[in-house]
C-alpha atoms as a PDB file:
ATOM      1  CA  MET A   1      98.683  73.102  69.453  1.00  0.00           C
ATOM      2  CA  ASP A   2      95.705  74.648  71.170  1.00  0.00           C
ATOM      3  CA  ILE A   3      95.465  78.412  70.809  1.00  0.00           C
ATOM      4  CA  SER A   4      92.457  79.979  72.490  1.00  0.00           C
ATOM      5  CA  LEU A   5      90.941  82.779  70.474  1.00  0.00           C
ATOM      6  CA  PRO A   6      89.697  86.091  71.836  1.00  0.00           C
ATOM      7  CA  LYS A   7      85.966  86.700  71.535  1.00  0.00           C
ATOM      8  CA  GLU A   8      86.507  89.720  69.304  1.00  0.00           C
ATOM      9  CA  GLN A   9      88.947  89.074  66.521  1.00  0.00           C
ATOM     10  CA  MET A  10      90.271  91.886  64.385  1.00  0.00           C
ATOM     11  CA  SER A  11      89.746  92.017  60.614  1.00  0.00           C
ATOM     12  CA  LEU A  12      93.394  91.176  60.187  1.00  0.00           C
ATOM     13  CA  SER A  13      95.339  88.407  58.501  1.00  0.00           C
ATOM     14  CA  ILE A  14      98.736  87.683  59.991  1.00  0.00           C
ATOM     15  CA  VAL A  15     101.125  86.003  57.586  1.00  0.00           C
ATOM     16  CA  ILE A  16     104.087  83.954  58.757  1.00  0.00           C
ATOM     17  CA  LEU A  17     106.639  82.646  56.271  1.00  0.00           C
ATOM     18  CA  ASN A  18     107.918  79.625  58.148  1.00  0.00           C
ATOM     19  CA  HIS A  19     110.849  77.255  58.104  1.00  0.00           C
ATOM     20  CA  LEU A  20     110.969  76.509  61.853  1.00  0.00           C
ATOM     21  CA  PRO A  21     109.771  73.370  63.649  1.00  0.00           C
ATOM     22  CA  ALA A  22     106.164  73.639  64.861  1.00  0.00           C
ATOM     23  CA  LYS A  23     107.234  73.653  68.510  1.00  0.00           C
ATOM     24  CA  LEU A  24     109.331  76.796  68.027  1.00  0.00           C
ATOM     25  CA  LEU A  25     106.438  78.537  66.281  1.00  0.00           C
ATOM     26  CA  GLN A  26     104.148  78.276  69.341  1.00  0.00           C
ATOM     27  CA  PRO A  27     104.969  81.658  70.947  1.00  0.00           C
ATOM     28  CA  THR A  28     104.492  83.415  67.604  1.00  0.00           C
ATOM     29  CA  LEU A  29     101.107  81.768  67.028  1.00  0.00           C
ATOM     30  CA  LYS A  30      99.887  82.539  70.537  1.00  0.00           C
ATOM     31  CA  SER A  31     100.805  86.197  70.161  1.00  0.00           C
ATOM     32  CA  ALA A  32      98.970  86.373  66.815  1.00  0.00           C
ATOM     33  CA  ALA A  33      95.749  84.743  68.037  1.00  0.00           C
ATOM     34  CA  PHE A  34      93.919  88.084  68.210  1.00  0.00           C
ATOM     35  CA  ALA A  35      93.823  88.180  64.395  1.00  0.00           C
ATOM     36  CA  LYS A  36      90.868  86.740  62.529  1.00  0.00           C
ATOM     37  CA  GLU A  37      93.195  84.691  60.348  1.00  0.00           C
ATOM     38  CA  ILE A  38      96.746  83.404  60.585  1.00  0.00           C
ATOM     39  CA  ILE A  39      98.339  82.192  57.382  1.00  0.00           C
ATOM     40  CA  ILE A  40     101.485  80.104  57.527  1.00  0.00           C
ATOM     41  CA  ILE A  41     103.438  79.591  54.340  1.00  0.00           C
ATOM     42  CA  GLN A  42     105.589  76.554  55.073  1.00  0.00           C
ATOM     43  CA  ASP A  43     108.778  76.309  53.060  1.00  0.00           C
ATOM     44  CA  THR A  44     108.676  72.823  51.517  1.00  0.00           C
ATOM     45  CA  ASN A  45     112.464  72.905  51.272  1.00  0.00           C
ATOM     46  CA  SER A  46     112.513  72.871  55.069  1.00  0.00           C
ATOM     47  CA  LYS A  47     112.886  69.478  56.727  1.00  0.00           C
ATOM     48  CA  HIS A  48     110.342  70.483  59.393  1.00  0.00           C
ATOM     49  CA  LEU A  49     106.679  69.600  59.225  1.00  0.00           C
ATOM     50  CA  PRO A  50     104.151  72.436  59.320  1.00  0.00           C
ATOM     51  CA  PRO A  51     102.233  72.913  62.558  1.00  0.00           C
ATOM     52  CA  LYS A  52      98.845  71.314  63.117  1.00  0.00           C
ATOM     53  CA  THR A  53      96.182  73.907  62.586  1.00  0.00           C
ATOM     54  CA  THR A  54      93.498  75.403  64.738  1.00  0.00           C
ATOM     55  CA  ARG A  55      90.338  77.031  63.455  1.00  0.00           C
ATOM     56  CA  ASN A  56      91.862  80.385  62.499  1.00  0.00           C
ATOM     57  CA  VAL A  57      95.196  79.037  61.183  1.00  0.00           C
ATOM     58  CA  LYS A  58      95.652  78.075  57.547  1.00  0.00           C
ATOM     59  CA  VAL A  59      98.828  76.332  56.432  1.00  0.00           C
ATOM     60  CA  PHE A  60     100.027  76.294  52.838  1.00  0.00           C
ATOM     61  CA  SER A  61     103.159  74.455  51.747  1.00  0.00           C
ATOM     62  CA  LYS A  62     105.112  76.085  48.953  1.00  0.00           C
ATOM     63  CA  PRO A  63     108.689  75.685  47.750  1.00  0.00           C
ATOM     64  CA  LEU A  64     110.819  78.742  48.375  1.00  0.00           C
ATOM     65  CA  HIS A  65     111.850  80.099  44.981  1.00  0.00           C
ATOM     66  CA  SER A  66     112.071  83.700  46.150  1.00  0.00           C
ATOM     67  CA  PHE A  67     111.057  85.674  49.205  1.00  0.00           C
ATOM     68  CA  ALA A  68     108.917  87.990  47.080  1.00  0.00           C
ATOM     69  CA  ALA A  69     107.045  85.048  45.536  1.00  0.00           C
ATOM     70  CA  GLN A  70     106.285  83.659  49.019  1.00  0.00           C
ATOM     71  CA  ARG A  71     104.941  87.028  50.207  1.00  0.00           C
ATOM     72  CA  ASN A  72     102.859  87.544  47.057  1.00  0.00           C
ATOM     73  CA  PHE A  73     101.373  84.055  47.391  1.00  0.00           C
ATOM     74  CA  ALA A  74     100.530  84.774  51.029  1.00  0.00           C
ATOM     75  CA  LEU A  75      98.798  88.023  50.090  1.00  0.00           C
ATOM     76  CA  LYS A  76      96.610  86.119  47.619  1.00  0.00           C
ATOM     77  CA  MET A  77      95.641  83.651  50.374  1.00  0.00           C
ATOM     78  CA  ALA A  78      94.711  86.374  52.881  1.00  0.00           C
ATOM     79  CA  SER A  79      90.988  86.976  53.236  1.00  0.00           C
ATOM     80  CA  GLN A  80      91.042  90.013  55.526  1.00  0.00           C
ATOM     81  CA  PRO A  81      91.374  93.667  54.477  1.00  0.00           C
ATOM     82  CA  TRP A  82      94.494  94.187  56.625  1.00  0.00           C
ATOM     83  CA  VAL A  83      97.630  92.023  56.472  1.00  0.00           C
ATOM     84  CA  LEU A  84     100.565  91.950  58.866  1.00  0.00           C
ATOM     85  CA  PHE A  85     103.709  89.997  58.005  1.00  0.00           C
ATOM     86  CA  LEU A  86     105.362  88.440  61.029  1.00  0.00           C
ATOM     87  CA  ASP A  87     108.663  86.581  61.195  1.00  0.00           C
ATOM     88  CA  SER A  88     108.360  83.032  62.480  1.00  0.00           C
ATOM     89  CA  ASP A  89     110.477  83.885  65.524  1.00  0.00           C
ATOM     90  CA  GLU A  90     108.709  87.149  66.422  1.00  0.00           C
ATOM     91  CA  VAL A  91     106.188  87.637  69.204  1.00  0.00           C
ATOM     92  CA  ILE A  92     103.634  90.450  69.241  1.00  0.00           C
ATOM     93  CA  SER A  93     103.673  92.080  72.677  1.00  0.00           C
ATOM     94  CA  LYS A  94     100.409  92.897  74.465  1.00  0.00           C
ATOM     95  CA  LYS A  95     101.214  96.586  74.040  1.00  0.00           C
ATOM     96  CA  LEU A  96     101.607  96.199  70.271  1.00  0.00           C
ATOM     97  CA  GLN A  97      98.459  94.041  70.074  1.00  0.00           C
ATOM     98  CA  ASN A  98      96.513  96.865  71.738  1.00  0.00           C
ATOM     99  CA  GLN A  99      98.013  99.451  69.379  1.00  0.00           C
ATOM    100  CA  ILE A 100      97.066  97.334  66.355  1.00  0.00           C
ATOM    101  CA  LYS A 101      93.531  96.822  67.699  1.00  0.00           C
ATOM    102  CA  ARG A 102      93.086 100.554  68.269  1.00  0.00           C
ATOM    103  CA  ALA A 103      94.408 101.363  64.791  1.00  0.00           C
ATOM    104  CA  LEU A 104      92.033  98.871  63.158  1.00  0.00           C
ATOM    105  CA  GLU A 105      89.057 100.106  65.170  1.00  0.00           C
ATOM    106  CA  THR A 106      89.583 103.637  63.887  1.00  0.00           C
ATOM    107  CA  THR A 107      89.814 102.679  60.205  1.00  0.00           C
END
């Protein structure tokens, strides 16, 4: 899994609560590459292995006891001042990436 990173990354952590196979997560990860940090919380109850990481992707394996507990754990792992939760099957369009970048530049 090779995701090239933009030169200027935004002070944003993108969190993905994942239960999908790594191959199906590829489009989501590519669309999130503009963020400084991508955090994947891999459900250990899932039979799928977490994806191999690149330099801005951190993977944590945690059993799913509750959705809220997964999100709260992810927030604790995030190192950036802004956090965006993304479903494992979502893709951030270029238009939305630009809107997020503009919003972060003005804050």
